[in-house]
Full PDB file with SEQRES, HELIX, SHEET, SSBOND, CRYST1, ORIGX, SCALE, CONECT and MASTER records, all heavy atoms in Angstrom:
SEQRES   1 A   35  ASP ASP PRO ARG PRO LEU GLY GLY LEU LEU GLN GLY VAL          
SEQRES   2 A   35  TYR ALA PHE VAL GLY ILE THR GLU PHE TRP ARG ALA TYR          
SEQRES   3 A   35  ARG PRO VAL ALA THR GLY ALA ALA ARG                          
HELIX    1 AA1 LEU A    6  TYR A   26  1                                  21    
HELIX    2 AA2 GLY A   32  ALA A   34  5                                   3    
CRYST1    1.000    1.000    1.000  90.00  90.00  90.00 P 1           1          
ORIGX1      1.000000  0.000000  0.000000        0.00000                         
ORIGX2      0.000000  1.000000  0.000000        0.00000                         
ORIGX3      0.000000  0.000000  1.000000        0.00000                         
SCALE1      1.000000  0.000000  0.000000        0.00000                         
SCALE2      0.000000  1.000000  0.000000        0.00000                         
SCALE3      0.000000  0.000000  1.000000        0.00000                         
ATOM      1  N   ASP A   1     102.959 100.995 102.759  1.00  0.00           N  
ATOM      2  CA  ASP A   1     101.734 101.515 102.130  1.00  0.00           C  
ATOM      3  C   ASP A   1     101.311 102.861 102.677  1.00  0.00           C  
ATOM      4  O   ASP A   1     100.642 103.648 102.030  1.00  0.00           O  
ATOM      5  CB  ASP A   1     100.576 100.502 102.350  1.00  0.00           C  
ATOM      6  CG  ASP A   1     100.821  99.151 101.670  1.00  0.00           C  
ATOM      7  OD1 ASP A   1     101.573  99.087 100.689  1.00  0.00           O  
ATOM      8  OD2 ASP A   1     100.222  98.173 102.140  1.00  0.00           O  
ATOM      9  N   ASP A   2     101.702 103.134 103.925  1.00  0.00           N  
ATOM     10  CA  ASP A   2     101.216 104.308 104.636  1.00  0.00           C  
ATOM     11  C   ASP A   2     102.295 105.389 104.765  1.00  0.00           C  
ATOM     12  O   ASP A   2     103.484 105.090 104.753  1.00  0.00           O  
ATOM     13  CB  ASP A   2     100.744 103.891 106.029  1.00  0.00           C  
ATOM     14  CG  ASP A   2     101.822 103.178 106.842  1.00  0.00           C  
ATOM     15  OD1 ASP A   2     102.693 102.596 106.236  1.00  0.00           O  
ATOM     16  OD2 ASP A   2     101.784 103.262 108.068  1.00  0.00           O  
ATOM     17  N   PRO A   3     101.879 106.649 104.936  1.00  0.00           N  
ATOM     18  CA  PRO A   3     102.892 107.717 105.241  1.00  0.00           C  
ATOM     19  C   PRO A   3     103.502 107.449 106.642  1.00  0.00           C  
ATOM     20  O   PRO A   3     102.818 107.007 107.522  1.00  0.00           O  
ATOM     21  CB  PRO A   3     102.053 108.979 105.226  1.00  0.00           C  
ATOM     22  CG  PRO A   3     100.798 108.635 104.487  1.00  0.00           C  
ATOM     23  CD  PRO A   3     100.542 107.197 104.774  1.00  0.00           C  
ATOM     24  N   ARG A   4     104.766 107.834 106.772  1.00  0.00           N  
ATOM     25  CA  ARG A   4     105.495 107.474 107.988  1.00  0.00           C  
ATOM     26  C   ARG A   4     106.015 108.706 108.701  1.00  0.00           C  
ATOM     27  O   ARG A   4     106.309 109.726 108.086  1.00  0.00           O  
ATOM     28  CB  ARG A   4     106.681 106.580 107.677  1.00  0.00           C  
ATOM     29  CG  ARG A   4     106.335 105.289 107.022  1.00  0.00           C  
ATOM     30  CD  ARG A   4     105.535 104.376 108.037  1.00  0.00           C  
ATOM     31  NE  ARG A   4     106.377 103.899 109.106  1.00  0.00           N  
ATOM     32  CZ  ARG A   4     105.926 103.535 110.294  1.00  0.00           C  
ATOM     33  NH1 ARG A   4     104.655 103.573 110.546  1.00  0.00           N  
ATOM     34  NH2 ARG A   4     106.761 103.079 111.203  1.00  0.00           N  
ATOM     35  N   PRO A   5     106.110 108.632 110.034  1.00  0.00           N  
ATOM     36  CA  PRO A   5     106.797 109.696 110.741  1.00  0.00           C  
ATOM     37  C   PRO A   5     108.277 109.671 110.438  1.00  0.00           C  
ATOM     38  O   PRO A   5     108.806 108.689 109.933  1.00  0.00           O  
ATOM     39  CB  PRO A   5     106.500 109.358 112.218  1.00  0.00           C  
ATOM     40  CG  PRO A   5     106.301 107.865 112.233  1.00  0.00           C  
ATOM     41  CD  PRO A   5     105.651 107.569 110.932  1.00  0.00           C  
ATOM     42  N   LEU A   6     108.944 110.804 110.715  1.00  0.00           N  
ATOM     43  CA  LEU A   6     110.382 110.898 110.453  1.00  0.00           C  
ATOM     44  C   LEU A   6     111.180 109.784 111.108  1.00  0.00           C  
ATOM     45  O   LEU A   6     112.028 109.170 110.501  1.00  0.00           O  
ATOM     46  CB  LEU A   6     110.873 112.284 110.860  1.00  0.00           C  
ATOM     47  CG  LEU A   6     112.357 112.563 110.672  1.00  0.00           C  
ATOM     48  CD1 LEU A   6     112.796 112.374 109.220  1.00  0.00           C  
ATOM     49  CD2 LEU A   6     112.722 113.966 111.153  1.00  0.00           C  
ATOM     50  N   GLY A   7     110.877 109.528 112.413  1.00  0.00           N  
ATOM     51  CA  GLY A   7     111.618 108.490 113.105  1.00  0.00           C  
ATOM     52  C   GLY A   7     111.413 107.126 112.452  1.00  0.00           C  
ATOM     53  O   GLY A   7     112.374 106.323 112.317  1.00  0.00           O  
ATOM     54  N   GLY A   8     110.204 106.819 112.019  1.00  0.00           N  
ATOM     55  CA  GLY A   8     109.937 105.559 111.350  1.00  0.00           C  
ATOM     56  C   GLY A   8     110.642 105.457 110.018  1.00  0.00           C  
ATOM     57  O   GLY A   8     111.092 104.382 109.596  1.00  0.00           O  
ATOM     58  N   LEU A   9     110.717 106.576 109.292  1.00  0.00           N  
ATOM     59  CA  LEU A   9     111.439 106.573 107.993  1.00  0.00           C  
ATOM     60  C   LEU A   9     112.922 106.379 108.178  1.00  0.00           C  
ATOM     61  O   LEU A   9     113.559 105.645 107.399  1.00  0.00           O  
ATOM     62  CB  LEU A   9     111.135 107.874 107.232  1.00  0.00           C  
ATOM     63  CG  LEU A   9     111.642 107.964 105.780  1.00  0.00           C  
ATOM     64  CD1 LEU A   9     111.084 106.840 104.954  1.00  0.00           C  
ATOM     65  CD2 LEU A   9     111.305 109.322 105.176  1.00  0.00           C  
ATOM     66  N   LEU A  10     113.470 106.935 109.255  1.00  0.00           N  
ATOM     67  CA  LEU A  10     114.907 106.680 109.534  1.00  0.00           C  
ATOM     68  C   LEU A  10     115.116 105.202 109.819  1.00  0.00           C  
ATOM     69  O   LEU A  10     116.129 104.621 109.350  1.00  0.00           O  
ATOM     70  CB  LEU A  10     115.334 107.515 110.770  1.00  0.00           C  
ATOM     71  CG  LEU A  10     115.684 108.988 110.513  1.00  0.00           C  
ATOM     72  CD1 LEU A  10     115.772 109.710 111.822  1.00  0.00           C  
ATOM     73  CD2 LEU A  10     116.987 109.107 109.749  1.00  0.00           C  
ATOM     74  N   GLN A  11     114.241 104.588 110.585  1.00  0.00           N  
ATOM     75  CA  GLN A  11     114.343 103.164 110.852  1.00  0.00           C  
ATOM     76  C   GLN A  11     114.293 102.411 109.535  1.00  0.00           C  
ATOM     77  O   GLN A  11     115.085 101.434 109.343  1.00  0.00           O  
ATOM     78  CB  GLN A  11     113.254 102.686 111.828  1.00  0.00           C  
ATOM     79  CG  GLN A  11     113.567 102.874 113.310  1.00  0.00           C  
ATOM     80  CD  GLN A  11     114.498 101.799 113.822  1.00  0.00           C  
ATOM     81  OE1 GLN A  11     114.905 100.930 113.101  1.00  0.00           O  
ATOM     82  NE2 GLN A  11     114.773 101.888 115.100  1.00  0.00           N  
ATOM     83  N   GLY A  12     113.294 102.760 108.700  1.00  0.00           N  
ATOM     84  CA  GLY A  12     113.169 102.008 107.465  1.00  0.00           C  
ATOM     85  C   GLY A  12     114.373 102.117 106.548  1.00  0.00           C  
ATOM     86  O   GLY A  12     114.804 101.101 105.986  1.00  0.00           O  
ATOM     87  N   VAL A  13     114.870 103.322 106.385  1.00  0.00           N  
ATOM     88  CA  VAL A  13     115.990 103.441 105.469  1.00  0.00           C  
ATOM     89  C   VAL A  13     117.217 102.794 105.977  1.00  0.00           C  
ATOM     90  O   VAL A  13     118.019 102.203 105.207  1.00  0.00           O  
ATOM     91  CB  VAL A  13     116.236 104.952 105.148  1.00  0.00           C  
ATOM     92  CG1 VAL A  13     117.069 105.663 106.244  1.00  0.00           C  
ATOM     93  CG2 VAL A  13     117.010 105.096 103.807  1.00  0.00           C  
ATOM     94  N   TYR A  14     117.400 102.754 107.288  1.00  0.00           N  
ATOM     95  CA  TYR A  14     118.519 102.037 107.838  1.00  0.00           C  
ATOM     96  C   TYR A  14     118.445 100.548 107.572  1.00  0.00           C  
ATOM     97  O   TYR A  14     119.413  99.905 107.170  1.00  0.00           O  
ATOM     98  CB  TYR A  14     118.628 102.281 109.370  1.00  0.00           C  
ATOM     99  CG  TYR A  14     119.964 101.918 109.960  1.00  0.00           C  
ATOM    100  CD1 TYR A  14     121.076 102.773 109.788  1.00  0.00           C  
ATOM    101  CD2 TYR A  14     120.173 100.724 110.635  1.00  0.00           C  
ATOM    102  CE1 TYR A  14     122.303 102.395 110.284  1.00  0.00           C  
ATOM    103  CE2 TYR A  14     121.400 100.372 111.151  1.00  0.00           C  
ATOM    104  CZ  TYR A  14     122.473 101.223 110.977  1.00  0.00           C  
ATOM    105  OH  TYR A  14     123.716 100.840 111.435  1.00  0.00           O  
ATOM    106  N   ALA A  15     117.222 100.001 107.735  1.00  0.00           N  
ATOM    107  CA  ALA A  15     117.022  98.604 107.449  1.00  0.00           C  
ATOM    108  C   ALA A  15     117.282  98.323 105.961  1.00  0.00           C  
ATOM    109  O   ALA A  15     117.906  97.248 105.625  1.00  0.00           O  
ATOM    110  CB  ALA A  15     115.602  98.163 107.850  1.00  0.00           C  
ATOM    111  N   PHE A  16     116.774  99.164 105.086  1.00  0.00           N  
ATOM    112  CA  PHE A  16     116.899  98.857 103.662  1.00  0.00           C  
ATOM    113  C   PHE A  16     118.264  99.100 103.080  1.00  0.00           C  
ATOM    114  O   PHE A  16     118.612  98.568 102.042  1.00  0.00           O  
ATOM    115  CB  PHE A  16     115.818  99.540 102.887  1.00  0.00           C  
ATOM    116  CG  PHE A  16     114.554  98.779 102.830  1.00  0.00           C  
ATOM    117  CD1 PHE A  16     113.665  98.756 103.904  1.00  0.00           C  
ATOM    118  CD2 PHE A  16     114.254  97.959 101.760  1.00  0.00           C  
ATOM    119  CE1 PHE A  16     112.499  97.975 103.906  1.00  0.00           C  
ATOM    120  CE2 PHE A  16     113.105  97.171 101.716  1.00  0.00           C  
ATOM    121  CZ  PHE A  16     112.231  97.176 102.825  1.00  0.00           C  
ATOM    122  N   VAL A  17     119.092  99.842 103.779  1.00  0.00           N  
ATOM    123  CA  VAL A  17     120.558  99.862 103.414  1.00  0.00           C  
ATOM    124  C   VAL A  17     121.110  98.425 103.583  1.00  0.00           C  
ATOM    125  O   VAL A  17     121.847  97.949 102.740  1.00  0.00           O  
ATOM    126  CB  VAL A  17     121.305 100.870 104.226  1.00  0.00           C  
ATOM    127  CG1 VAL A  17     122.844 100.654 104.089  1.00  0.00           C  
ATOM    128  CG2 VAL A  17     120.988 102.307 103.798  1.00  0.00           C  
ATOM    129  N   GLY A  18     120.805  97.822 104.701  1.00  0.00           N  
ATOM    130  CA  GLY A  18     121.284  96.472 104.897  1.00  0.00           C  
ATOM    131  C   GLY A  18     120.684  95.469 103.883  1.00  0.00           C  
ATOM    132  O   GLY A  18     121.364  94.600 103.370  1.00  0.00           O  
ATOM    133  N   ILE A  19     119.404  95.612 103.578  1.00  0.00           N  
ATOM    134  CA  ILE A  19     118.744  94.743 102.603  1.00  0.00           C  
ATOM    135  C   ILE A  19     119.448  94.879 101.252  1.00  0.00           C  
ATOM    136  O   ILE A  19     119.760  93.887 100.578  1.00  0.00           O  
ATOM    137  CB  ILE A  19     117.251  95.067 102.527  1.00  0.00           C  
ATOM    138  CG1 ILE A  19     116.544  94.586 103.779  1.00  0.00           C  
ATOM    139  CG2 ILE A  19     116.602  94.459 101.313  1.00  0.00           C  
ATOM    140  CD1 ILE A  19     115.162  95.062 103.938  1.00  0.00           C  
ATOM    141  N   THR A  20     119.657  96.126 100.791  1.00  0.00           N  
ATOM    142  CA  THR A  20     120.262  96.335  99.537  1.00  0.00           C  
ATOM    143  C   THR A  20     121.706  95.792  99.470  1.00  0.00           C  
ATOM    144  O   THR A  20     122.166  95.235  98.471  1.00  0.00           O  
ATOM    145  CB  THR A  20     120.298  97.879  99.222  1.00  0.00           C  
ATOM    146  OG1 THR A  20     118.981  98.396  99.402  1.00  0.00           O  
ATOM    147  CG2 THR A  20     120.754  98.101  97.748  1.00  0.00           C  
ATOM    148  N   GLU A  21     122.450  95.915 100.579  1.00  0.00           N  
ATOM    149  CA  GLU A  21     123.802  95.373 100.652  1.00  0.00           C  
ATOM    150  C   GLU A  21     123.727  93.855 100.516  1.00  0.00           C  
ATOM    151  O   GLU A  21     124.633  93.216  99.903  1.00  0.00           O  
ATOM    152  CB  GLU A  21     124.445  95.783 101.978  1.00  0.00           C  
ATOM    153  CG  GLU A  21     124.903  97.215 101.993  1.00  0.00           C  
ATOM    154  CD  GLU A  21     126.236  97.376 101.350  1.00  0.00           C  
ATOM    155  OE1 GLU A  21     127.259  97.027 101.935  1.00  0.00           O  
ATOM    156  OE2 GLU A  21     126.263  97.852 100.168  1.00  0.00           O  
ATOM    157  N   PHE A  22     122.708  93.195 101.121  1.00  0.00           N  
ATOM    158  CA  PHE A  22     122.597  91.750 101.016  1.00  0.00           C  
ATOM    159  C   PHE A  22     122.416  91.392  99.532  1.00  0.00           C  
ATOM    160  O   PHE A  22     123.102  90.449  99.011  1.00  0.00           O  
ATOM    161  CB  PHE A  22     121.477  91.196 101.811  1.00  0.00           C  
ATOM    162  CG  PHE A  22     121.188  89.764 101.505  1.00  0.00           C  
ATOM    163  CD1 PHE A  22     121.949  88.746 102.077  1.00  0.00           C  
ATOM    164  CD2 PHE A  22     120.133  89.387 100.642  1.00  0.00           C  
ATOM    165  CE1 PHE A  22     121.732  87.418 101.757  1.00  0.00           C  
ATOM    166  CE2 PHE A  22     119.895  88.036 100.341  1.00  0.00           C  
ATOM    167  CZ  PHE A  22     120.717  87.071 100.901  1.00  0.00           C  
ATOM    168  N   TRP A  23     121.420  92.008  98.868  1.00  0.00           N  
ATOM    169  CA  TRP A  23     121.210  91.605  97.472  1.00  0.00           C  
ATOM    170  C   TRP A  23     122.393  91.953  96.572  1.00  0.00           C  
ATOM    171  O   TRP A  23     122.684  91.189  95.653  1.00  0.00           O  
ATOM    172  CB  TRP A  23     119.981  92.381  96.946  1.00  0.00           C  
ATOM    173  CG  TRP A  23     118.702  91.904  97.592  1.00  0.00           C  
ATOM    174  CD1 TRP A  23     117.825  92.662  98.297  1.00  0.00           C  
ATOM    175  CD2 TRP A  23     118.107  90.588  97.498  1.00  0.00           C  
ATOM    176  NE1 TRP A  23     116.744  91.880  98.727  1.00  0.00           N  
ATOM    177  CE2 TRP A  23     116.891  90.629  98.263  1.00  0.00           C  
ATOM    178  CE3 TRP A  23     118.489  89.373  96.929  1.00  0.00           C  
ATOM    179  CZ2 TRP A  23     116.116  89.509  98.432  1.00  0.00           C  
ATOM    180  CZ3 TRP A  23     117.732  88.258  97.089  1.00  0.00           C  
ATOM    181  CH2 TRP A  23     116.526  88.324  97.858  1.00  0.00           C  
ATOM    182  N   ARG A  24     123.093  92.983  96.904  1.00  0.00           N  
ATOM    183  CA  ARG A  24     124.359  93.279  96.172  1.00  0.00           C  
ATOM    184  C   ARG A  24     125.333  92.172  96.312  1.00  0.00           C  
ATOM    185  O   ARG A  24     125.963  91.742  95.290  1.00  0.00           O  
ATOM    186  CB  ARG A  24     124.914  94.596  96.694  1.00  0.00           C  
ATOM    187  CG  ARG A  24     126.235  95.019  96.061  1.00  0.00           C  
ATOM    188  CD  ARG A  24     126.933  96.082  96.887  1.00  0.00           C  
ATOM    189  NE  ARG A  24     127.866  96.885  96.116  1.00  0.00           N  
ATOM    190  CZ  ARG A  24     128.669  97.809  96.639  1.00  0.00           C  
ATOM    191  NH1 ARG A  24     128.594  98.039  97.927  1.00  0.00           N  
ATOM    192  NH2 ARG A  24     129.492  98.488  95.923  1.00  0.00           N  
ATOM    193  N   ALA A  25     125.537  91.695  97.514  1.00  0.00           N  
ATOM    194  CA  ALA A  25     126.516  90.623  97.777  1.00  0.00           C  
ATOM    195  C   ALA A  25     126.054  89.314  97.293  1.00  0.00           C  
ATOM    196  O   ALA A  25     126.876  88.411  96.962  1.00  0.00           O  
ATOM    197  CB  ALA A  25     126.835  90.591  99.297  1.00  0.00           C  
ATOM    198  N   TYR A  26     124.767  89.052  97.251  1.00  0.00           N  
ATOM    199  CA  TYR A  26     124.239  87.757  96.878  1.00  0.00           C  
ATOM    200  C   TYR A  26     124.275  87.521  95.396  1.00  0.00           C  
ATOM    201  O   TYR A  26     124.373  86.368  94.908  1.00  0.00           O  
ATOM    202  CB  TYR A  26     122.786  87.610  97.415  1.00  0.00           C  
ATOM    203  CG  TYR A  26     122.139  86.337  97.097  1.00  0.00           C  
ATOM    204  CD1 TYR A  26     122.747  85.068  97.364  1.00  0.00           C  
ATOM    205  CD2 TYR A  26     120.830  86.296  96.576  1.00  0.00           C  
ATOM    206  CE1 TYR A  26     122.086  83.879  97.104  1.00  0.00           C  
ATOM    207  CE2 TYR A  26     120.190  85.073  96.329  1.00  0.00           C  
ATOM    208  CZ  TYR A  26     120.821  83.850  96.573  1.00  0.00           C  
ATOM    209  OH  TYR A  26     120.167  82.716  96.340  1.00  0.00           O  
ATOM    210  N   ARG A  27     124.238  88.602  94.586  1.00  0.00           N  
ATOM    211  CA  ARG A  27     124.140  88.437  93.141  1.00  0.00           C  
ATOM    212  C   ARG A  27     125.223  87.588  92.522  1.00  0.00           C  
ATOM    213  O   ARG A  27     124.959  86.707  91.704  1.00  0.00           O  
ATOM    214  CB  ARG A  27     124.144  89.837  92.447  1.00  0.00           C  
ATOM    215  CG  ARG A  27     122.920  90.639  92.797  1.00  0.00           C  
ATOM    216  CD  ARG A  27     122.845  91.913  91.959  1.00  0.00           C  
ATOM    217  NE  ARG A  27     124.079  92.759  92.126  1.00  0.00           N  
ATOM    218  CZ  ARG A  27     124.511  93.588  91.206  1.00  0.00           C  
ATOM    219  NH1 ARG A  27     123.832  93.747  90.076  1.00  0.00           N  
ATOM    220  NH2 ARG A  27     125.589  94.297  91.444  1.00  0.00           N  
ATOM    221  N   PRO A  28     126.530  87.734  92.900  1.00  0.00           N  
ATOM    222  CA  PRO A  28     127.551  86.944  92.252  1.00  0.00           C  
ATOM    223  C   PRO A  28     127.488  85.428  92.510  1.00  0.00           C  
ATOM    224  O   PRO A  28     128.005  84.611  91.724  1.00  0.00           O  
ATOM    225  CB  PRO A  28     128.837  87.519  92.821  1.00  0.00           C  
ATOM    226  CG  PRO A  28     128.447  88.858  93.343  1.00  0.00           C  
ATOM    227  CD  PRO A  28     127.062  88.734  93.838  1.00  0.00           C  
ATOM    228  N   VAL A  29     126.893  85.067  93.623  1.00  0.00           N  
ATOM    229  CA  VAL A  29     126.858  83.609  93.999  1.00  0.00           C  
ATOM    230  C   VAL A  29     125.493  82.971  93.675  1.00  0.00           C  
ATOM    231  O   VAL A  29     125.403  81.724  93.599  1.00  0.00           O  
ATOM    232  CB  VAL A  29     127.174  83.360  95.451  1.00  0.00           C  
ATOM    233  CG1 VAL A  29     128.546  83.960  95.825  1.00  0.00           C  
ATOM    234  CG2 VAL A  29     126.121  83.929  96.366  1.00  0.00           C  
ATOM    235  N   ALA A  30     124.457  83.761  93.441  1.00  0.00           N  
ATOM    236  CA  ALA A  30     123.140  83.213  93.107  1.00  0.00           C  
ATOM    237  C   ALA A  30     123.163  82.673  91.707  1.00  0.00           C  
ATOM    238  O   ALA A  30     123.930  83.105  90.798  1.00  0.00           O  
ATOM    239  CB  ALA A  30     122.096  84.312  93.232  1.00  0.00           C  
ATOM    240  N   THR A  31     122.313  81.687  91.446  1.00  0.00           N  
ATOM    241  CA  THR A  31     122.237  81.087  90.118  1.00  0.00           C  
ATOM    242  C   THR A  31     120.789  81.036  89.619  1.00  0.00           C  
ATOM    243  O   THR A  31     119.860  81.097  90.485  1.00  0.00           O  
ATOM    244  CB  THR A  31     122.786  79.638  90.155  1.00  0.00           C  
ATOM    245  OG1 THR A  31     122.036  78.900  91.090  1.00  0.00           O  
ATOM    246  CG2 THR A  31     124.241  79.620  90.534  1.00  0.00           C  
ATOM    247  N   GLY A  32     120.583  80.939  88.349  1.00  0.00           N  
ATOM    248  CA  GLY A  32     119.239  80.787  87.774  1.00  0.00           C  
ATOM    249  C   GLY A  32     118.318  81.904  88.138  1.00  0.00           C  
ATOM    250  O   GLY A  32     118.660  83.078  88.131  1.00  0.00           O  
ATOM    251  N   ALA A  33     117.090  81.516  88.514  1.00  0.00           N  
ATOM    252  CA  ALA A  33     116.091  82.516  88.851  1.00  0.00           C  
ATOM    253  C   ALA A  33     116.495  83.319  90.064  1.00  0.00           C  
ATOM    254  O   ALA A  33     116.142  84.522  90.159  1.00  0.00           O  
ATOM    255  CB  ALA A  33     114.738  81.800  89.110  1.00  0.00           C  
ATOM    256  N   ALA A  34     117.209  82.705  90.979  1.00  0.00           N  
ATOM    257  CA  ALA A  34     117.628  83.440  92.184  1.00  0.00           C  
ATOM    258  C   ALA A  34     118.504  84.632  91.869  1.00  0.00           C  
ATOM    259  O   ALA A  34     118.419  85.710  92.509  1.00  0.00           O  
ATOM    260  CB  ALA A  34     118.348  82.522  93.186  1.00  0.00           C  
ATOM    261  N   ARG A  35     119.324  84.481  90.844  1.00  0.00           N  
ATOM    262  CA  ARG A  35     120.177  85.606  90.401  1.00  0.00           C  
ATOM    263  C   ARG A  35     119.360  86.724  89.873  1.00  0.00           C  
ATOM    264  O   ARG A  35     119.591  87.935  90.119  1.00  0.00           O  
ATOM    265  CB  ARG A  35     121.246  85.160  89.403  1.00  0.00           C  
ATOM    266  CG  ARG A  35     122.078  86.279  88.897  1.00  0.00           C  
ATOM    267  CD  ARG A  35     123.207  85.862  88.064  1.00  0.00           C  
ATOM    268  NE  ARG A  35     124.286  85.242  88.856  1.00  0.00           N  
ATOM    269  CZ  ARG A  35     125.457  84.859  88.439  1.00  0.00           C  
ATOM    270  NH1 ARG A  35     125.740  84.961  87.131  1.00  0.00           N  
ATOM    271  NH2 ARG A  35     126.357  84.316  89.230  1.00  0.00           N  
TER     272      ARG A  35                                                      
MASTER        0    0    0    2    0    0    0    6  271    1    0    3          
END                                                                             
């Protein structure tokens, strides 16, 4: 919700690369609403 310092934004984008990779990998095995 808040503006972030550069160091905090680096931390965030690194975390969300991992998050996006998880959802990418989960899609083929998820079913129903989870997919």
